[in-house]
């Protein structure tokens, strides 16, 4: 398998979503996993095998696209229509591709485990980020 393919225009926050807003620190596309940089205070693409420790822990999913220094909204928990095809009941994790989301079956050696959530259906991800701080 591979990272889920997301159609950015189809990414929609659920009615129970918790949403943060801020500024993009790089180009971000709706549906990508992001973290908030402690140094720049801007949202950046999360990456499970990044050399930067804080980048390995996603804090949410971007709800809109943004270029450097543009406003971005980030869903931090709750249901999200992810804009891609999921397998109901499957756990989805941060990928080694910056901003990517992958199913559990694709976790590989060298990646830090960051659970993004569980698929409630083929379109809805119950976003509940967990980061135990361990690598495979």
C-alpha atoms as a PDB file:
ATOM      1  CA  UNK A   1       0.000   0.000   0.000  1.00  0.00           C
ATOM      2  CA  UNK A   2       0.967   3.642   0.014  1.00  0.00           C
ATOM      3  CA  UNK A   3      -0.045   6.974   1.494  1.00  0.00           C
ATOM      4  CA  UNK A   4      -3.709   7.719   0.978  1.00  0.00           C
ATOM      5  CA  UNK A   5      -4.405   9.960  -1.985  1.00  0.00           C
ATOM      6  CA  UNK A   6      -6.258  13.037  -0.811  1.00  0.00           C
ATOM      7  CA  UNK A   7      -8.360  15.418  -2.888  1.00  0.00           C
ATOM      8  CA  UNK A   8      -7.787  18.729  -1.056  1.00  0.00           C
ATOM      9  CA  UNK A   9     -11.155  20.210  -2.066  1.00  0.00           C
ATOM     10  CA  UNK A  10     -12.903  17.299  -0.295  1.00  0.00           C
ATOM     11  CA  UNK A  11     -11.261  17.786   3.131  1.00  0.00           C
ATOM     12  CA  UNK A  12     -14.009  18.892   5.544  1.00  0.00           C
ATOM     13  CA  UNK A  13     -14.072  19.269   9.326  1.00  0.00           C
ATOM     14  CA  UNK A  14     -16.725  17.250  11.156  1.00  0.00           C
ATOM     15  CA  UNK A  15     -19.285  18.812  13.479  1.00  0.00           C
ATOM     16  CA  UNK A  16     -17.245  17.750  16.536  1.00  0.00           C
ATOM     17  CA  UNK A  17     -13.925  19.129  15.229  1.00  0.00           C
ATOM     18  CA  UNK A  18     -11.463  21.104  17.320  1.00  0.00           C
ATOM     19  CA  UNK A  19      -9.770  23.647  15.070  1.00  0.00           C
ATOM     20  CA  UNK A  20      -6.681  25.808  15.553  1.00  0.00           C
ATOM     21  CA  UNK A  21      -5.580  28.598  13.272  1.00  0.00           C
ATOM     22  CA  UNK A  22      -2.206  30.061  12.516  1.00  0.00           C
ATOM     23  CA  UNK A  23       0.344  30.784   9.817  1.00  0.00           C
ATOM     24  CA  UNK A  24       1.915  28.352   7.355  1.00  0.00           C
ATOM     25  CA  UNK A  25       5.685  27.998   7.595  1.00  0.00           C
ATOM     26  CA  UNK A  26       5.855  26.358   4.177  1.00  0.00           C
ATOM     27  CA  UNK A  27       3.462  25.323   1.413  1.00  0.00           C
ATOM     28  CA  UNK A  28       0.741  23.132   2.918  1.00  0.00           C
ATOM     29  CA  UNK A  29      -2.104  21.358   1.128  1.00  0.00           C
ATOM     30  CA  UNK A  30      -5.475  20.579   2.715  1.00  0.00           C
ATOM     31  CA  UNK A  31      -5.389  17.049   4.141  1.00  0.00           C
ATOM     32  CA  UNK A  32      -1.712  17.043   5.091  1.00  0.00           C
ATOM     33  CA  UNK A  33      -0.507  16.252   8.618  1.00  0.00           C
ATOM     34  CA  UNK A  34       1.183  19.217  10.296  1.00  0.00           C
ATOM     35  CA  UNK A  35       2.941  20.276  13.514  1.00  0.00           C
ATOM     36  CA  UNK A  36       3.428  23.682  15.116  1.00  0.00           C
ATOM     37  CA  UNK A  37       7.098  24.717  15.117  1.00  0.00           C
ATOM     38  CA  UNK A  38       8.243  25.853  18.553  1.00  0.00           C
ATOM     39  CA  UNK A  39      10.814  28.223  17.027  1.00  0.00           C
ATOM     40  CA  UNK A  40       8.877  29.903  14.203  1.00  0.00           C
ATOM     41  CA  UNK A  41       5.376  29.425  15.734  1.00  0.00           C
ATOM     42  CA  UNK A  42       4.224  28.400  12.235  1.00  0.00           C
ATOM     43  CA  UNK A  43       2.535  25.224  10.978  1.00  0.00           C
ATOM     44  CA  UNK A  44       4.894  22.865   9.132  1.00  0.00           C
ATOM     45  CA  UNK A  45       4.567  19.451   7.459  1.00  0.00           C
ATOM     46  CA  UNK A  46       4.979  16.581   9.919  1.00  0.00           C
ATOM     47  CA  UNK A  47       7.276  13.685   8.952  1.00  0.00           C
ATOM     48  CA  UNK A  48       7.632  10.368  10.835  1.00  0.00           C
ATOM     49  CA  UNK A  49      11.343   9.968  10.089  1.00  0.00           C
ATOM     50  CA  UNK A  50      12.436  13.605  10.261  1.00  0.00           C
ATOM     51  CA  UNK A  51      15.765  14.504  11.839  1.00  0.00           C
ATOM     52  CA  UNK A  52      13.841  17.221  13.725  1.00  0.00           C
ATOM     53  CA  UNK A  53      12.222  15.616  16.786  1.00  0.00           C
ATOM     54  CA  UNK A  54       9.159  17.871  16.965  1.00  0.00           C
ATOM     55  CA  UNK A  55       8.374  17.239  13.267  1.00  0.00           C
ATOM     56  CA  UNK A  56       7.781  13.561  14.070  1.00  0.00           C
ATOM     57  CA  UNK A  57       4.718  14.387  16.179  1.00  0.00           C
ATOM     58  CA  UNK A  58       1.792  15.636  14.100  1.00  0.00           C
ATOM     59  CA  UNK A  59      -0.551  18.043  15.890  1.00  0.00           C
ATOM     60  CA  UNK A  60      -3.337  18.069  13.301  1.00  0.00           C
ATOM     61  CA  UNK A  61      -4.557  17.958   9.706  1.00  0.00           C
ATOM     62  CA  UNK A  62      -4.637  21.084   7.519  1.00  0.00           C
ATOM     63  CA  UNK A  63      -8.169  22.052   6.482  1.00  0.00           C
ATOM     64  CA  UNK A  64      -7.062  24.444   3.750  1.00  0.00           C
ATOM     65  CA  UNK A  65      -4.086  24.998   1.519  1.00  0.00           C
ATOM     66  CA  UNK A  66      -1.636  27.788   2.301  1.00  0.00           C
ATOM     67  CA  UNK A  67       1.720  29.065   1.089  1.00  0.00           C
ATOM     68  CA  UNK A  68       4.485  30.451   3.301  1.00  0.00           C
ATOM     69  CA  UNK A  69       3.140  33.101   5.705  1.00  0.00           C
ATOM     70  CA  UNK A  70      -0.501  32.604   4.689  1.00  0.00           C
ATOM     71  CA  UNK A  71      -3.263  31.706   7.185  1.00  0.00           C
ATOM     72  CA  UNK A  72      -4.046  28.035   7.732  1.00  0.00           C
ATOM     73  CA  UNK A  73      -6.710  26.220   9.766  1.00  0.00           C
ATOM     74  CA  UNK A  74      -5.751  22.927  11.392  1.00  0.00           C
ATOM     75  CA  UNK A  75      -8.079  20.299  12.818  1.00  0.00           C
ATOM     76  CA  UNK A  76      -6.561  18.876  16.000  1.00  0.00           C
ATOM     77  CA  UNK A  77      -9.246  16.330  16.969  1.00  0.00           C
ATOM     78  CA  UNK A  78     -12.699  15.085  16.064  1.00  0.00           C
ATOM     79  CA  UNK A  79     -14.120  13.605  12.892  1.00  0.00           C
ATOM     80  CA  UNK A  80     -12.699  14.740   9.571  1.00  0.00           C
ATOM     81  CA  UNK A  81     -13.780  13.885   6.049  1.00  0.00           C
ATOM     82  CA  UNK A  82     -10.270  13.297   4.820  1.00  0.00           C
ATOM     83  CA  UNK A  83     -10.849  13.618   1.073  1.00  0.00           C
ATOM     84  CA  UNK A  84      -9.470  10.170   0.292  1.00  0.00           C
ATOM     85  CA  UNK A  85     -10.520   6.538   0.485  1.00  0.00           C
ATOM     86  CA  UNK A  86     -10.026   4.842   3.852  1.00  0.00           C
ATOM     87  CA  UNK A  87     -10.663   1.302   5.060  1.00  0.00           C
ATOM     88  CA  UNK A  88     -13.195   1.377   7.895  1.00  0.00           C
ATOM     89  CA  UNK A  89     -11.702   0.169  11.183  1.00  0.00           C
ATOM     90  CA  UNK A  90      -8.106   0.735  10.060  1.00  0.00           C
ATOM     91  CA  UNK A  91      -5.613   2.801  12.045  1.00  0.00           C
ATOM     92  CA  UNK A  92      -3.903   5.592  10.095  1.00  0.00           C
ATOM     93  CA  UNK A  93      -0.473   6.981  10.934  1.00  0.00           C
ATOM     94  CA  UNK A  94       1.856   9.807  10.006  1.00  0.00           C
ATOM     95  CA  UNK A  95       3.958   8.835   6.994  1.00  0.00           C
ATOM     96  CA  UNK A  96       7.649   9.223   6.228  1.00  0.00           C
ATOM     97  CA  UNK A  97       6.503  11.435   3.343  1.00  0.00           C
ATOM     98  CA  UNK A  98       6.180  14.986   4.765  1.00  0.00           C
ATOM     99  CA  UNK A  99       2.483  15.583   5.478  1.00  0.00           C
ATOM    100  CA  UNK A 100       1.501  12.090   4.344  1.00  0.00           C
ATOM    101  CA  UNK A 101      -0.984   9.717   5.958  1.00  0.00           C
ATOM    102  CA  UNK A 102      -0.539   5.951   5.761  1.00  0.00           C
ATOM    103  CA  UNK A 103      -2.320   2.826   7.004  1.00  0.00           C
ATOM    104  CA  UNK A 104      -0.765   0.769   9.816  1.00  0.00           C
ATOM    105  CA  UNK A 105       0.368  -1.882   7.325  1.00  0.00           C
ATOM    106  CA  UNK A 106       2.836   0.601   5.792  1.00  0.00           C
ATOM    107  CA  UNK A 107       4.742   1.472   8.972  1.00  0.00           C
ATOM    108  CA  UNK A 108       8.438   0.715   8.409  1.00  0.00           C
ATOM    109  CA  UNK A 109      11.715   0.540  10.306  1.00  0.00           C
ATOM    110  CA  UNK A 110      13.137   3.953  11.234  1.00  0.00           C
ATOM    111  CA  UNK A 111       9.762   5.678  11.495  1.00  0.00           C
ATOM    112  CA  UNK A 112       8.500   7.207  14.712  1.00  0.00           C
ATOM    113  CA  UNK A 113       4.981   6.000  15.454  1.00  0.00           C
ATOM    114  CA  UNK A 114       2.363   8.773  15.395  1.00  0.00           C
ATOM    115  CA  UNK A 115      -1.214   7.517  15.325  1.00  0.00           C
ATOM    116  CA  UNK A 116      -3.500  10.038  13.643  1.00  0.00           C
ATOM    117  CA  UNK A 117      -6.766   8.186  14.124  1.00  0.00           C
ATOM    118  CA  UNK A 118      -9.094   5.350  13.204  1.00  0.00           C
ATOM    119  CA  UNK A 119     -11.275   5.222  10.102  1.00  0.00           C
ATOM    120  CA  UNK A 120     -14.966   5.301  11.024  1.00  0.00           C
ATOM    121  CA  UNK A 121     -15.955   4.744   7.390  1.00  0.00           C
ATOM    122  CA  UNK A 122     -14.401   4.909   3.936  1.00  0.00           C
ATOM    123  CA  UNK A 123     -14.340   8.724   4.140  1.00  0.00           C
ATOM    124  CA  UNK A 124     -14.309   9.727   7.848  1.00  0.00           C
ATOM    125  CA  UNK A 125     -11.228   9.602  10.085  1.00  0.00           C
ATOM    126  CA  UNK A 126     -11.772   9.918  13.843  1.00  0.00           C
ATOM    127  CA  UNK A 127      -8.779  12.178  14.504  1.00  0.00           C
ATOM    128  CA  UNK A 128      -7.223  11.391  17.899  1.00  0.00           C
ATOM    129  CA  UNK A 129      -3.470  11.912  17.663  1.00  0.00           C
ATOM    130  CA  UNK A 130      -1.235   9.808  19.883  1.00  0.00           C
ATOM    131  CA  UNK A 131       2.564   9.899  19.966  1.00  0.00           C
ATOM    132  CA  UNK A 132       4.336   7.395  22.238  1.00  0.00           C
ATOM    133  CA  UNK A 133       7.790   8.644  21.194  1.00  0.00           C
ATOM    134  CA  UNK A 134       9.034   5.276  19.933  1.00  0.00           C
ATOM    135  CA  UNK A 135      10.478   4.297  16.572  1.00  0.00           C
ATOM    136  CA  UNK A 136      10.195   1.007  14.760  1.00  0.00           C
END
